[in-house]
Amino acid sequence: MAMVDTLWLATLTKDQRDAGTDTQRLNLIVNIDGEDVVDTHFYFSDLGRGRAELSGGPHGLPSEPLTSPVKSTLLTNSSIRLGIRTDDAWAPRDVLVLGSTERRIEALAMEWRRRWIAG
């Protein structure tokens, strides 16, 4: 059973008018079996149009620490919610939530704009 004790949040804001936000904090909630086990914030320097950012872990901008580890094997497709708690809007293009366990880093969730590649 993988116990995640550190989270990272990587984002890419859409490159279109009004996609960015002045907000520098995103809220991430992890719900397992109907209970919110994580309710934390990730801080960013710039969530502007077309900007890529990383927050959390030892190499990104600071995030609020987890109060207790999360069992990644219990996550479902609807376990992770991401949002802004202000009256501003933000239009992400790609989002990736990573978590570290004792031995590895694993992707916990991602949402991306689908790209069709002709081959």
PDB file of N, CA and C in Angstrom:
ATOM      1  N   MET A   1       0.846  -1.168   0.000  1.00  0.00           N
ATOM      2  CA  MET A   1       0.000   0.000   0.000  1.00  0.00           C
ATOM      3  C   MET A   1       0.896   1.236   0.000  1.00  0.00           C
ATOM      4  N   ALA A   2       0.753   2.098  -1.000  1.00  0.00           N
ATOM      5  CA  ALA A   2       1.583   3.283  -1.147  1.00  0.00           C
ATOM      6  C   ALA A   2       1.014   4.428  -0.311  1.00  0.00           C
ATOM      7  N   MET A   3       1.820   4.928   0.615  1.00  0.00           N
ATOM      8  CA  MET A   3       1.419   6.047   1.467  1.00  0.00           C
ATOM      9  C   MET A   3       2.104   7.315   0.955  1.00  0.00           C
ATOM     10  N   VAL A   4       1.320   8.220   0.423  1.00  0.00           N
ATOM     11  CA  VAL A   4       1.836   9.473  -0.121  1.00  0.00           C
ATOM     12  C   VAL A   4       1.965  10.479   1.023  1.00  0.00           C
ATOM     13  N   ASP A   5       3.177  11.063   1.157  1.00  0.00           N
ATOM     14  CA  ASP A   5       3.376  12.032   2.233  1.00  0.00           C
ATOM     15  C   ASP A   5       3.723  13.435   1.742  1.00  0.00           C
ATOM     16  N   THR A   6       3.970  13.583   0.438  1.00  0.00           N
ATOM     17  CA  THR A   6       4.270  14.894  -0.140  1.00  0.00           C
ATOM     18  C   THR A   6       3.554  15.017  -1.477  1.00  0.00           C
ATOM     19  N   LEU A   7       2.971  16.187  -1.756  1.00  0.00           N
ATOM     20  CA  LEU A   7       2.273  16.424  -3.020  1.00  0.00           C
ATOM     21  C   LEU A   7       2.946  17.542  -3.806  1.00  0.00           C
ATOM     22  N   TRP A   8       2.863  17.443  -5.121  1.00  0.00           N
ATOM     23  CA  TRP A   8       3.254  18.497  -6.043  1.00  0.00           C
ATOM     24  C   TRP A   8       2.070  18.765  -6.961  1.00  0.00           C
ATOM     25  N   LEU A   9       1.964  20.001  -7.433  1.00  0.00           N
ATOM     26  CA  LEU A   9       0.925  20.369  -8.381  1.00  0.00           C
ATOM     27  C   LEU A   9       1.588  21.119  -9.524  1.00  0.00           C
ATOM     28  N   ALA A  10       1.508  20.557 -10.722  1.00  0.00           N
ATOM     29  CA  ALA A  10       2.054  21.197 -11.925  1.00  0.00           C
ATOM     30  C   ALA A  10       0.879  21.668 -12.772  1.00  0.00           C
ATOM     31  N   THR A  11       0.961  22.909 -13.254  1.00  0.00           N
ATOM     32  CA  THR A  11      -0.135  23.468 -14.044  1.00  0.00           C
ATOM     33  C   THR A  11       0.399  24.160 -15.294  1.00  0.00           C
ATOM     34  N   LEU A  12      -0.427  24.172 -16.314  1.00  0.00           N
ATOM     35  CA  LEU A  12      -0.177  24.966 -17.512  1.00  0.00           C
ATOM     36  C   LEU A  12      -1.476  25.699 -17.821  1.00  0.00           C
ATOM     37  N   THR A  13      -1.425  27.024 -17.781  1.00  0.00           N
ATOM     38  CA  THR A  13      -2.599  27.842 -18.061  1.00  0.00           C
ATOM     39  C   THR A  13      -2.794  27.948 -19.568  1.00  0.00           C
ATOM     40  N   LYS A  14      -4.048  27.936 -20.003  1.00  0.00           N
ATOM     41  CA  LYS A  14      -4.339  28.085 -21.428  1.00  0.00           C
ATOM     42  C   LYS A  14      -3.733  29.371 -21.966  1.00  0.00           C
ATOM     43  N   ASP A  15      -3.334  29.338 -23.214  1.00  0.00           N
ATOM     44  CA  ASP A  15      -2.757  30.512 -23.865  1.00  0.00           C
ATOM     45  C   ASP A  15      -3.849  31.203 -24.674  1.00  0.00           C
ATOM     46  N   GLN A  16      -4.797  31.783 -23.958  1.00  0.00           N
ATOM     47  CA  GLN A  16      -5.885  32.521 -24.597  1.00  0.00           C
ATOM     48  C   GLN A  16      -6.296  33.675 -23.692  1.00  0.00           C
ATOM     49  N   ARG A  17      -6.992  34.625 -24.257  1.00  0.00           N
ATOM     50  CA  ARG A  17      -7.403  35.813 -23.510  1.00  0.00           C
ATOM     51  C   ARG A  17      -8.215  35.446 -22.272  1.00  0.00           C
ATOM     52  N   ASP A  18      -7.924  36.097 -21.163  1.00  0.00           N
ATOM     53  CA  ASP A  18      -8.624  35.928 -19.884  1.00  0.00           C
ATOM     54  C   ASP A  18      -8.475  34.535 -19.269  1.00  0.00           C
ATOM     55  N   ALA A  19      -7.489  33.752 -19.696  1.00  0.00           N
ATOM     56  CA  ALA A  19      -7.280  32.424 -19.115  1.00  0.00           C
ATOM     57  C   ALA A  19      -6.545  32.501 -17.787  1.00  0.00           C
ATOM     58  N   GLY A  20      -5.666  33.479 -17.642  1.00  0.00           N
ATOM     59  CA  GLY A  20      -4.863  33.599 -16.432  1.00  0.00           C
ATOM     60  C   GLY A  20      -5.637  34.204 -15.277  1.00  0.00           C
ATOM     61  N   THR A  21      -5.000  34.208 -14.116  1.00  0.00           N
ATOM     62  CA  THR A  21      -5.608  34.765 -12.914  1.00  0.00           C
ATOM     63  C   THR A  21      -4.553  35.498 -12.109  1.00  0.00           C
ATOM     64  N   ASP A  22      -4.993  36.476 -11.326  1.00  0.00           N
ATOM     65  CA  ASP A  22      -4.099  37.168 -10.399  1.00  0.00           C
ATOM     66  C   ASP A  22      -3.940  36.383  -9.100  1.00  0.00           C
ATOM     67  N   THR A  23      -4.801  35.417  -8.875  1.00  0.00           N
ATOM     68  CA  THR A  23      -4.725  34.581  -7.683  1.00  0.00           C
ATOM     69  C   THR A  23      -3.413  33.807  -7.694  1.00  0.00           C
ATOM     70  N   GLN A  24      -2.785  33.697  -6.559  1.00  0.00           N
ATOM     71  CA  GLN A  24      -1.525  32.954  -6.476  1.00  0.00           C
ATOM     72  C   GLN A  24      -1.662  31.709  -5.616  1.00  0.00           C
ATOM     73  N   ARG A  25      -2.895  31.295  -5.336  1.00  0.00           N
ATOM     74  CA  ARG A  25      -3.114  30.138  -4.475  1.00  0.00           C
ATOM     75  C   ARG A  25      -4.255  29.293  -5.026  1.00  0.00           C
ATOM     76  N   LEU A  26      -3.989  28.007  -5.218  1.00  0.00           N
ATOM     77  CA  LEU A  26      -5.018  27.054  -5.630  1.00  0.00           C
ATOM     78  C   LEU A  26      -5.303  26.104  -4.472  1.00  0.00           C
ATOM     79  N   ASN A  27      -6.549  25.691  -4.356  1.00  0.00           N
ATOM     80  CA  ASN A  27      -6.966  24.780  -3.303  1.00  0.00           C
ATOM     81  C   ASN A  27      -7.112  23.378  -3.874  1.00  0.00           C
ATOM     82  N   LEU A  28      -6.545  22.382  -3.194  1.00  0.00           N
ATOM     83  CA  LEU A  28      -6.645  20.986  -3.610  1.00  0.00           C
ATOM     84  C   LEU A  28      -7.263  20.181  -2.470  1.00  0.00           C
ATOM     85  N   ILE A  29      -8.306  19.429  -2.798  1.00  0.00           N
ATOM     86  CA  ILE A  29      -8.982  18.576  -1.817  1.00  0.00           C
ATOM     87  C   ILE A  29      -8.903  17.139  -2.307  1.00  0.00           C
ATOM     88  N   VAL A  30      -8.541  16.227  -1.396  1.00  0.00           N
ATOM     89  CA  VAL A  30      -8.526  14.795  -1.690  1.00  0.00           C
ATOM     90  C   VAL A  30      -9.603  14.151  -0.831  1.00  0.00           C
ATOM     91  N   ASN A  31     -10.530  13.452  -1.489  1.00  0.00           N
ATOM     92  CA  ASN A  31     -11.645  12.800  -0.818  1.00  0.00           C
ATOM     93  C   ASN A  31     -11.515  11.289  -0.999  1.00  0.00           C
ATOM     94  N   ILE A  32     -11.570  10.568   0.098  1.00  0.00           N
ATOM     95  CA  ILE A  32     -11.525   9.104   0.057  1.00  0.00           C
ATOM     96  C   ILE A  32     -12.720   8.575   0.829  1.00  0.00           C
ATOM     97  N   ASP A  33     -13.534   7.785   0.172  1.00  0.00           N
ATOM     98  CA  ASP A  33     -14.731   7.187   0.781  1.00  0.00           C
ATOM     99  C   ASP A  33     -15.632   8.224   1.435  1.00  0.00           C
ATOM    100  N   GLY A  34     -15.828   9.373   0.760  1.00  0.00           N
ATOM    101  CA  GLY A  34     -16.745  10.389   1.249  1.00  0.00           C
ATOM    102  C   GLY A  34     -16.172  11.314   2.303  1.00  0.00           C
ATOM    103  N   GLU A  35     -14.901  11.193   2.629  1.00  0.00           N
ATOM    104  CA  GLU A  35     -14.273  12.040   3.643  1.00  0.00           C
ATOM    105  C   GLU A  35     -13.117  12.821   3.023  1.00  0.00           C
ATOM    106  N   ASP A  36     -13.100  14.133   3.264  1.00  0.00           N
ATOM    107  CA  ASP A  36     -11.992  14.956   2.798  1.00  0.00           C
ATOM    108  C   ASP A  36     -10.794  14.711   3.709  1.00  0.00           C
ATOM    109  N   VAL A  37      -9.790  14.006   3.179  1.00  0.00           N
ATOM    110  CA  VAL A  37      -8.613  13.672   3.979  1.00  0.00           C
ATOM    111  C   VAL A  37      -7.484  14.681   3.786  1.00  0.00           C
ATOM    112  N   VAL A  38      -7.544  15.478   2.705  1.00  0.00           N
ATOM    113  CA  VAL A  38      -6.585  16.549   2.456  1.00  0.00           C
ATOM    114  C   VAL A  38      -7.361  17.769   1.988  1.00  0.00           C
ATOM    115  N   ASP A  39      -7.076  18.911   2.591  1.00  0.00           N
ATOM    116  CA  ASP A  39      -7.615  20.197   2.157  1.00  0.00           C
ATOM    117  C   ASP A  39      -6.457  21.177   2.295  1.00  0.00           C
ATOM    118  N   THR A  40      -5.736  21.391   1.205  1.00  0.00           N
ATOM    119  CA  THR A  40      -4.493  22.153   1.263  1.00  0.00           C
ATOM    120  C   THR A  40      -4.420  23.186   0.150  1.00  0.00           C
ATOM    121  N   HIS A  41      -3.462  24.067   0.255  1.00  0.00           N
ATOM    122  CA  HIS A  41      -3.259  25.112  -0.747  1.00  0.00           C
ATOM    123  C   HIS A  41      -1.877  24.983  -1.366  1.00  0.00           C
ATOM    124  N   PHE A  42      -1.800  25.310  -2.641  1.00  0.00           N
ATOM    125  CA  PHE A  42      -0.542  25.380  -3.367  1.00  0.00           C
ATOM    126  C   PHE A  42      -0.353  26.819  -3.809  1.00  0.00           C
ATOM    127  N   TYR A  43       0.851  27.331  -3.647  1.00  0.00           N
ATOM    128  CA  TYR A  43       1.148  28.726  -3.948  1.00  0.00           C
ATOM    129  C   TYR A  43       1.961  28.814  -5.235  1.00  0.00           C
ATOM    130  N   PHE A  44       1.636  29.815  -6.058  1.00  0.00           N
ATOM    131  CA  PHE A  44       2.270  29.984  -7.366  1.00  0.00           C
ATOM    132  C   PHE A  44       2.723  31.425  -7.533  1.00  0.00           C
ATOM    133  N   SER A  45       3.784  31.626  -8.316  1.00  0.00           N
ATOM    134  CA  SER A  45       4.258  32.983  -8.575  1.00  0.00           C
ATOM    135  C   SER A  45       3.483  33.623  -9.720  1.00  0.00           C
ATOM    136  N   ASP A  46       3.028  32.817 -10.697  1.00  0.00           N
ATOM    137  CA  ASP A  46       2.366  33.399 -11.864  1.00  0.00           C
ATOM    138  C   ASP A  46       1.474  32.367 -12.546  1.00  0.00           C
ATOM    139  N   LEU A  47       0.168  32.528 -12.409  1.00  0.00           N
ATOM    140  CA  LEU A  47      -0.800  31.675 -13.106  1.00  0.00           C
ATOM    141  C   LEU A  47      -1.371  32.432 -14.301  1.00  0.00           C
ATOM    142  N   GLY A  48      -0.512  33.167 -14.974  1.00  0.00           N
ATOM    143  CA  GLY A  48      -0.924  33.975 -16.112  1.00  0.00           C
ATOM    144  C   GLY A  48      -1.077  33.166 -17.382  1.00  0.00           C
ATOM    145  N   ARG A  49      -1.581  33.816 -18.388  1.00  0.00           N
ATOM    146  CA  ARG A  49      -1.838  33.208 -19.704  1.00  0.00           C
ATOM    147  C   ARG A  49      -0.595  32.492 -20.241  1.00  0.00           C
ATOM    148  N   GLY A  50      -0.742  31.196 -20.559  1.00  0.00           N
ATOM    149  CA  GLY A  50       0.317  30.415 -21.171  1.00  0.00           C
ATOM    150  C   GLY A  50       1.458  30.032 -20.244  1.00  0.00           C
ATOM    151  N   ARG A  51       1.316  30.247 -18.935  1.00  0.00           N
ATOM    152  CA  ARG A  51       2.398  29.993 -17.986  1.00  0.00           C
ATOM    153  C   ARG A  51       2.338  28.587 -17.407  1.00  0.00           C
ATOM    154  N   ALA A  52       3.506  27.951 -17.295  1.00  0.00           N
ATOM    155  CA  ALA A  52       3.648  26.657 -16.620  1.00  0.00           C
ATOM    156  C   ALA A  52       4.225  26.915 -15.236  1.00  0.00           C
ATOM    157  N   GLU A  53       3.696  26.239 -14.220  1.00  0.00           N
ATOM    158  CA  GLU A  53       4.139  26.437 -12.844  1.00  0.00           C
ATOM    159  C   GLU A  53       4.180  25.110 -12.103  1.00  0.00           C
ATOM    160  N   LEU A  54       5.050  25.039 -11.093  1.00  0.00           N
ATOM    161  CA  LEU A  54       5.161  23.873 -10.209  1.00  0.00           C
ATOM    162  C   LEU A  54       5.110  24.365  -8.776  1.00  0.00           C
ATOM    163  N   SER A  55       4.326  23.687  -7.948  1.00  0.00           N
ATOM    164  CA  SER A  55       4.243  24.036  -6.540  1.00  0.00           C
ATOM    165  C   SER A  55       4.255  22.757  -5.720  1.00  0.00           C
ATOM    166  N   GLY A  56       4.853  22.841  -4.536  1.00  0.00           N
ATOM    167  CA  GLY A  56       4.864  21.712  -3.621  1.00  0.00           C
ATOM    168  C   GLY A  56       6.190  20.993  -3.602  1.00  0.00           C
ATOM    169  N   GLY A  57       6.294  20.034  -2.677  1.00  0.00           N
ATOM    170  CA  GLY A  57       7.518  19.262  -2.559  1.00  0.00           C
ATOM    171  C   GLY A  57       8.715  20.144  -2.260  1.00  0.00           C
ATOM    172  N   PRO A  58       9.903  19.581  -2.219  1.00  0.00           N
ATOM    173  CA  PRO A  58      11.076  20.373  -1.871  1.00  0.00           C
ATOM    174  C   PRO A  58      11.594  21.260  -2.997  1.00  0.00           C
ATOM    175  N   HIS A  59      11.133  21.077  -4.242  1.00  0.00           N
ATOM    176  CA  HIS A  59      11.701  21.812  -5.366  1.00  0.00           C
ATOM    177  C   HIS A  59      10.767  22.832  -5.980  1.00  0.00           C
ATOM    178  N   GLY A  60       9.522  22.886  -5.546  1.00  0.00           N
ATOM    179  CA  GLY A  60       8.588  23.866  -6.072  1.00  0.00           C
ATOM    180  C   GLY A  60       8.357  24.971  -5.062  1.00  0.00           C
ATOM    181  N   LEU A  61       7.500  25.913  -5.396  1.00  0.00           N
ATOM    182  CA  LEU A  61       7.109  26.917  -4.422  1.00  0.00           C
ATOM    183  C   LEU A  61       6.436  26.213  -3.256  1.00  0.00           C
ATOM    184  N   PRO A  62       6.414  26.809  -2.080  1.00  0.00           N
ATOM    185  CA  PRO A  62       5.876  26.114  -0.917  1.00  0.00           C
ATOM    186  C   PRO A  62       4.399  25.768  -1.061  1.00  0.00           C
ATOM    187  N   SER A  63       4.037  24.672  -0.458  1.00  0.00           N
ATOM    188  CA  SER A  63       2.638  24.298  -0.307  1.00  0.00           C
ATOM    189  C   SER A  63       2.430  24.011   1.173  1.00  0.00           C
ATOM    190  N   GLU A  64       1.188  23.930   1.579  1.00  0.00           N
ATOM    191  CA  GLU A  64       0.925  23.581   2.964  1.00  0.00           C
ATOM    192  C   GLU A  64       1.206  22.088   3.147  1.00  0.00           C
ATOM    193  N   PRO A  65       1.883  21.694   4.224  1.00  0.00           N
ATOM    194  CA  PRO A  65       2.234  20.279   4.410  1.00  0.00           C
ATOM    195  C   PRO A  65       1.000  19.421   4.682  1.00  0.00           C
ATOM    196  N   LEU A  66       1.097  18.144   4.320  1.00  0.00           N
ATOM    197  CA  LEU A  66       0.014  17.205   4.621  1.00  0.00           C
ATOM    198  C   LEU A  66       0.044  16.899   6.111  1.00  0.00           C
ATOM    199  N   THR A  67      -1.131  16.844   6.715  1.00  0.00           N
ATOM    200  CA  THR A  67      -1.186  16.529   8.144  1.00  0.00           C
ATOM    201  C   THR A  67      -1.072  15.038   8.391  1.00  0.00           C
ATOM    202  N   SER A  68      -1.456  14.227   7.396  1.00  0.00           N
ATOM    203  CA  SER A  68      -1.286  12.782   7.506  1.00  0.00           C
ATOM    204  C   SER A  68      -1.143  12.202   6.102  1.00  0.00           C
ATOM    205  N   PRO A  69      -0.429  11.086   5.944  1.00  0.00           N
ATOM    206  CA  PRO A  69      -0.230  10.470   4.629  1.00  0.00           C
ATOM    207  C   PRO A  69      -1.558  10.005   4.017  1.00  0.00           C
ATOM    208  N   VAL A  70      -1.568   9.900   2.698  1.00  0.00           N
ATOM    209  CA  VAL A  70      -2.742   9.456   1.937  1.00  0.00           C
ATOM    210  C   VAL A  70      -2.435   8.119   1.295  1.00  0.00           C
ATOM    211  N   LYS A  71      -3.362   7.180   1.367  1.00  0.00           N
ATOM    212  CA  LYS A  71      -3.201   5.882   0.710  1.00  0.00           C
ATOM    213  C   LYS A  71      -3.587   6.032  -0.758  1.00  0.00           C
ATOM    214  N   SER A  72      -2.606   6.040  -1.643  1.00  0.00           N
ATOM    215  CA  SER A  72      -2.882   6.290  -3.068  1.00  0.00           C
ATOM    216  C   SER A  72      -3.717   5.189  -3.696  1.00  0.00           C
ATOM    217  N   THR A  73      -3.687   3.993  -3.148  1.00  0.00           N
ATOM    218  CA  THR A  73      -4.463   2.883  -3.715  1.00  0.00           C
ATOM    219  C   THR A  73      -5.965   3.065  -3.504  1.00  0.00           C
ATOM    220  N   LEU A  74      -6.359   3.988  -2.639  1.00  0.00           N
ATOM    221  CA  LEU A  74      -7.785   4.232  -2.379  1.00  0.00           C
ATOM    222  C   LEU A  74      -8.367   5.355  -3.223  1.00  0.00           C
ATOM    223  N   LEU A  75      -7.533   6.011  -4.039  1.00  0.00           N
ATOM    224  CA  LEU A  75      -8.017   7.109  -4.874  1.00  0.00           C
ATOM    225  C   LEU A  75      -8.883   6.597  -6.019  1.00  0.00           C
ATOM    226  N   THR A  76      -9.928   7.367  -6.338  1.00  0.00           N
ATOM    227  CA  THR A  76     -10.804   7.052  -7.461  1.00  0.00           C
ATOM    228  C   THR A  76     -10.765   8.207  -8.458  1.00  0.00           C
ATOM    229  N   ASN A  77     -11.526   8.091  -9.549  1.00  0.00           N
ATOM    230  CA  ASN A  77     -11.565   9.147 -10.562  1.00  0.00           C
ATOM    231  C   ASN A  77     -12.132  10.461 -10.037  1.00  0.00           C
ATOM    232  N   SER A  78     -12.859  10.424  -8.935  1.00  0.00           N
ATOM    233  CA  SER A  78     -13.453  11.652  -8.400  1.00  0.00           C
ATOM    234  C   SER A  78     -12.865  12.047  -7.045  1.00  0.00           C
ATOM    235  N   SER A  79     -11.713  11.521  -6.685  1.00  0.00           N
ATOM    236  CA  SER A  79     -11.121  11.794  -5.378  1.00  0.00           C
ATOM    237  C   SER A  79     -10.482  13.164  -5.255  1.00  0.00           C
ATOM    238  N   ILE A  80     -10.001  13.738  -6.348  1.00  0.00           N
ATOM    239  CA  ILE A  80      -9.229  14.977  -6.263  1.00  0.00           C
ATOM    240  C   ILE A  80      -9.986  16.120  -6.925  1.00  0.00           C
ATOM    241  N   ARG A  81     -10.117  17.225  -6.167  1.00  0.00           N
ATOM    242  CA  ARG A  81     -10.773  18.429  -6.667  1.00  0.00           C
ATOM    243  C   ARG A  81      -9.786  19.593  -6.564  1.00  0.00           C
ATOM    244  N   LEU A  82      -9.784  20.441  -7.577  1.00  0.00           N
ATOM    245  CA  LEU A  82      -8.879  21.580  -7.621  1.00  0.00           C
ATOM    246  C   LEU A  82      -9.686  22.825  -7.926  1.00  0.00           C
ATOM    247  N   GLY A  83      -9.415  23.904  -7.206  1.00  0.00           N
ATOM    248  CA  GLY A  83     -10.165  25.126  -7.461  1.00  0.00           C
ATOM    249  C   GLY A  83      -9.505  26.353  -6.881  1.00  0.00           C
ATOM    250  N   ILE A  84     -10.182  27.484  -7.051  1.00  0.00           N
ATOM    251  CA  ILE A  84      -9.757  28.774  -6.526  1.00  0.00           C
ATOM    252  C   ILE A  84     -10.825  29.239  -5.552  1.00  0.00           C
ATOM    253  N   ARG A  85     -10.421  29.733  -4.406  1.00  0.00           N
ATOM    254  CA  ARG A  85     -11.382  30.209  -3.412  1.00  0.00           C
ATOM    255  C   ARG A  85     -11.469  31.731  -3.392  1.00  0.00           C
ATOM    256  N   THR A  86     -11.494  32.309  -4.572  1.00  0.00           N
ATOM    257  CA  THR A  86     -11.717  33.756  -4.710  1.00  0.00           C
ATOM    258  C   THR A  86     -12.756  33.947  -5.800  1.00  0.00           C
ATOM    259  N   ASP A  87     -13.052  35.184  -6.120  1.00  0.00           N
ATOM    260  CA  ASP A  87     -14.046  35.457  -7.158  1.00  0.00           C
ATOM    261  C   ASP A  87     -13.417  35.548  -8.543  1.00  0.00           C
ATOM    262  N   ASP A  88     -12.166  35.188  -8.689  1.00  0.00           N
ATOM    263  CA  ASP A  88     -11.472  35.213  -9.967  1.00  0.00           C
ATOM    264  C   ASP A  88     -11.658  33.862 -10.674  1.00  0.00           C
ATOM    265  N   ALA A  89     -11.423  33.834 -11.961  1.00  0.00           N
ATOM    266  CA  ALA A  89     -11.508  32.588 -12.729  1.00  0.00           C
ATOM    267  C   ALA A  89     -10.116  32.232 -13.236  1.00  0.00           C
ATOM    268  N   TRP A  90      -9.931  30.980 -13.571  1.00  0.00           N
ATOM    269  CA  TRP A  90      -8.660  30.502 -14.107  1.00  0.00           C
ATOM    270  C   TRP A  90      -8.984  29.370 -15.077  1.00  0.00           C
ATOM    271  N   ALA A  91      -8.297  29.329 -16.220  1.00  0.00           N
ATOM    272  CA  ALA A  91      -8.551  28.315 -17.241  1.00  0.00           C
ATOM    273  C   ALA A  91      -7.287  27.478 -17.455  1.00  0.00           C
ATOM    274  N   PRO A  92      -7.177  26.351 -16.753  1.00  0.00           N
ATOM    275  CA  PRO A  92      -6.002  25.506 -16.946  1.00  0.00           C
ATOM    276  C   PRO A  92      -6.091  24.740 -18.257  1.00  0.00           C
ATOM    277  N   ARG A  93      -4.959  24.491 -18.867  1.00  0.00           N
ATOM    278  CA  ARG A  93      -4.895  23.618 -20.032  1.00  0.00           C
ATOM    279  C   ARG A  93      -4.503  22.214 -19.588  1.00  0.00           C
ATOM    280  N   ASP A  94      -3.444  22.119 -18.784  1.00  0.00           N
ATOM    281  CA  ASP A  94      -2.968  20.830 -18.277  1.00  0.00           C
ATOM    282  C   ASP A  94      -2.721  20.955 -16.777  1.00  0.00           C
ATOM    283  N   VAL A  95      -3.067  19.899 -16.039  1.00  0.00           N
ATOM    284  CA  VAL A  95      -2.834  19.848 -14.593  1.00  0.00           C
ATOM    285  C   VAL A  95      -2.341  18.450 -14.252  1.00  0.00           C
ATOM    286  N   LEU A  96      -1.325  18.377 -13.393  1.00  0.00           N
ATOM    287  CA  LEU A  96      -0.769  17.100 -12.954  1.00  0.00           C
ATOM    288  C   LEU A  96      -0.541  17.154 -11.454  1.00  0.00           C
ATOM    289  N   VAL A  97      -1.090  16.170 -10.727  1.00  0.00           N
ATOM    290  CA  VAL A  97      -0.868  16.041  -9.293  1.00  0.00           C
ATOM    291  C   VAL A  97       0.061  14.856  -9.087  1.00  0.00           C
ATOM    292  N   LEU A  98       1.189  15.114  -8.446  1.00  0.00           N
ATOM    293  CA  LEU A  98       2.171  14.074  -8.155  1.00  0.00           C
ATOM    294  C   LEU A  98       2.252  13.871  -6.652  1.00  0.00           C
ATOM    295  N   GLY A  99       2.570  12.654  -6.250  1.00  0.00           N
ATOM    296  CA  GLY A  99       2.757  12.359  -4.836  1.00  0.00           C
ATOM    297  C   GLY A  99       3.992  11.517  -4.637  1.00  0.00           C
ATOM    298  N   SER A 100       4.681  11.738  -3.527  1.00  0.00           N
ATOM    299  CA  SER A 100       5.860  10.918  -3.257  1.00  0.00           C
ATOM    300  C   SER A 100       5.574   9.967  -2.111  1.00  0.00           C
ATOM    301  N   THR A 101       6.076   8.765  -2.284  1.00  0.00           N
ATOM    302  CA  THR A 101       6.019   7.742  -1.255  1.00  0.00           C
ATOM    303  C   THR A 101       7.437   7.569  -0.722  1.00  0.00           C
ATOM    304  N   GLU A 102       7.627   6.604   0.105  1.00  0.00           N
ATOM    305  CA  GLU A 102       8.954   6.372   0.666  1.00  0.00           C
ATOM    306  C   GLU A 102       9.990   6.058  -0.410  1.00  0.00           C
ATOM    307  N   ARG A 103       9.571   5.417  -1.508  1.00  0.00           N
ATOM    308  CA  ARG A 103      10.527   4.962  -2.510  1.00  0.00           C
ATOM    309  C   ARG A 103      10.394   5.574  -3.897  1.00  0.00           C
ATOM    310  N   ARG A 104       9.302   6.281  -4.163  1.00  0.00           N
ATOM    311  CA  ARG A 104       9.121   6.773  -5.527  1.00  0.00           C
ATOM    312  C   ARG A 104       8.167   7.960  -5.577  1.00  0.00           C
ATOM    313  N   ILE A 105       8.127   8.565  -6.754  1.00  0.00           N
ATOM    314  CA  ILE A 105       7.159   9.623  -7.041  1.00  0.00           C
ATOM    315  C   ILE A 105       6.190   9.062  -8.065  1.00  0.00           C
ATOM    316  N   GLU A 106       4.900   9.255  -7.840  1.00  0.00           N
ATOM    317  CA  GLU A 106       3.901   8.717  -8.767  1.00  0.00           C
ATOM    318  C   GLU A 106       2.865   9.767  -9.123  1.00  0.00           C
ATOM    319  N   ALA A 107       2.323   9.651 -10.323  1.00  0.00           N
ATOM    320  CA  ALA A 107       1.244  10.527 -10.764  1.00  0.00           C
ATOM    321  C   ALA A 107      -0.049  10.068 -10.085  1.00  0.00           C
ATOM    322  N   LEU A 108      -0.740  10.986  -9.458  1.00  0.00           N
ATOM    323  CA  LEU A 108      -1.997  10.666  -8.783  1.00  0.00           C
ATOM    324  C   LEU A 108      -3.206  11.054  -9.614  1.00  0.00           C
ATOM    325  N   ALA A 109      -3.081  12.148 -10.371  1.00  0.00           N
ATOM    326  CA  ALA A 109      -4.191  12.611 -11.200  1.00  0.00           C
ATOM    327  C   ALA A 109      -3.659  13.543 -12.274  1.00  0.00           C
ATOM    328  N   MET A 110      -4.342  13.559 -13.415  1.00  0.00           N
ATOM    329  CA  MET A 110      -3.989  14.524 -14.446  1.00  0.00           C
ATOM    330  C   MET A 110      -5.204  14.826 -15.306  1.00  0.00           C
ATOM    331  N   GLU A 111      -5.189  16.023 -15.813  1.00  0.00           N
ATOM    332  CA  GLU A 111      -6.200  16.484 -16.766  1.00  0.00           C
ATOM    333  C   GLU A 111      -5.432  17.249 -17.823  1.00  0.00           C
ATOM    334  N   TRP A 112      -5.672  16.935 -19.057  1.00  0.00           N
ATOM    335  CA  TRP A 112      -4.928  17.606 -20.122  1.00  0.00           C
ATOM    336  C   TRP A 112      -5.824  17.824 -21.318  1.00  0.00           C
ATOM    337  N   ARG A 113      -5.420  18.796 -22.128  1.00  0.00           N
ATOM    338  CA  ARG A 113      -6.123  19.063 -23.385  1.00  0.00           C
ATOM    339  C   ARG A 113      -5.699  17.994 -24.362  1.00  0.00           C
ATOM    340  N   ARG A 114      -6.649  17.326 -24.928  1.00  0.00           N
ATOM    341  CA  ARG A 114      -6.331  16.255 -25.885  1.00  0.00           C
ATOM    342  C   ARG A 114      -5.748  16.833 -27.161  1.00  0.00           C
ATOM    343  N   ARG A 115      -4.706  16.212 -27.605  1.00  0.00           N
ATOM    344  CA  ARG A 115      -4.062  16.647 -28.838  1.00  0.00           C
ATOM    345  C   ARG A 115      -4.074  15.481 -29.837  1.00  0.00           C
ATOM    346  N   TRP A 116      -4.521  15.754 -31.012  1.00  0.00           N
ATOM    347  CA  TRP A 116      -4.547  14.731 -32.060  1.00  0.00           C
ATOM    348  C   TRP A 116      -3.306  14.851 -32.911  1.00  0.00           C
ATOM    349  N   ILE A 117      -2.588  13.778 -33.029  1.00  0.00           N
ATOM    350  CA  ILE A 117      -1.350  13.765 -33.812  1.00  0.00           C
ATOM    351  C   ILE A 117      -1.559  12.878 -35.023  1.00  0.00           C
ATOM    352  N   ALA A 118      -1.385  13.459 -36.186  1.00  0.00           N
ATOM    353  CA  ALA A 118      -1.510  12.666 -37.420  1.00  0.00           C
ATOM    354  C   ALA A 118      -0.256  11.842 -37.588  1.00  0.00           C
ATOM    355  N   GLY A 119      -0.428  10.603 -37.990  1.00  0.00           N
ATOM    356  CA  GLY A 119       0.771   9.776 -38.137  1.00  0.00           C
ATOM    357  C   GLY A 119       0.637   8.945 -39.293  1.00  0.00           C
TER     358      GLY A 119
END
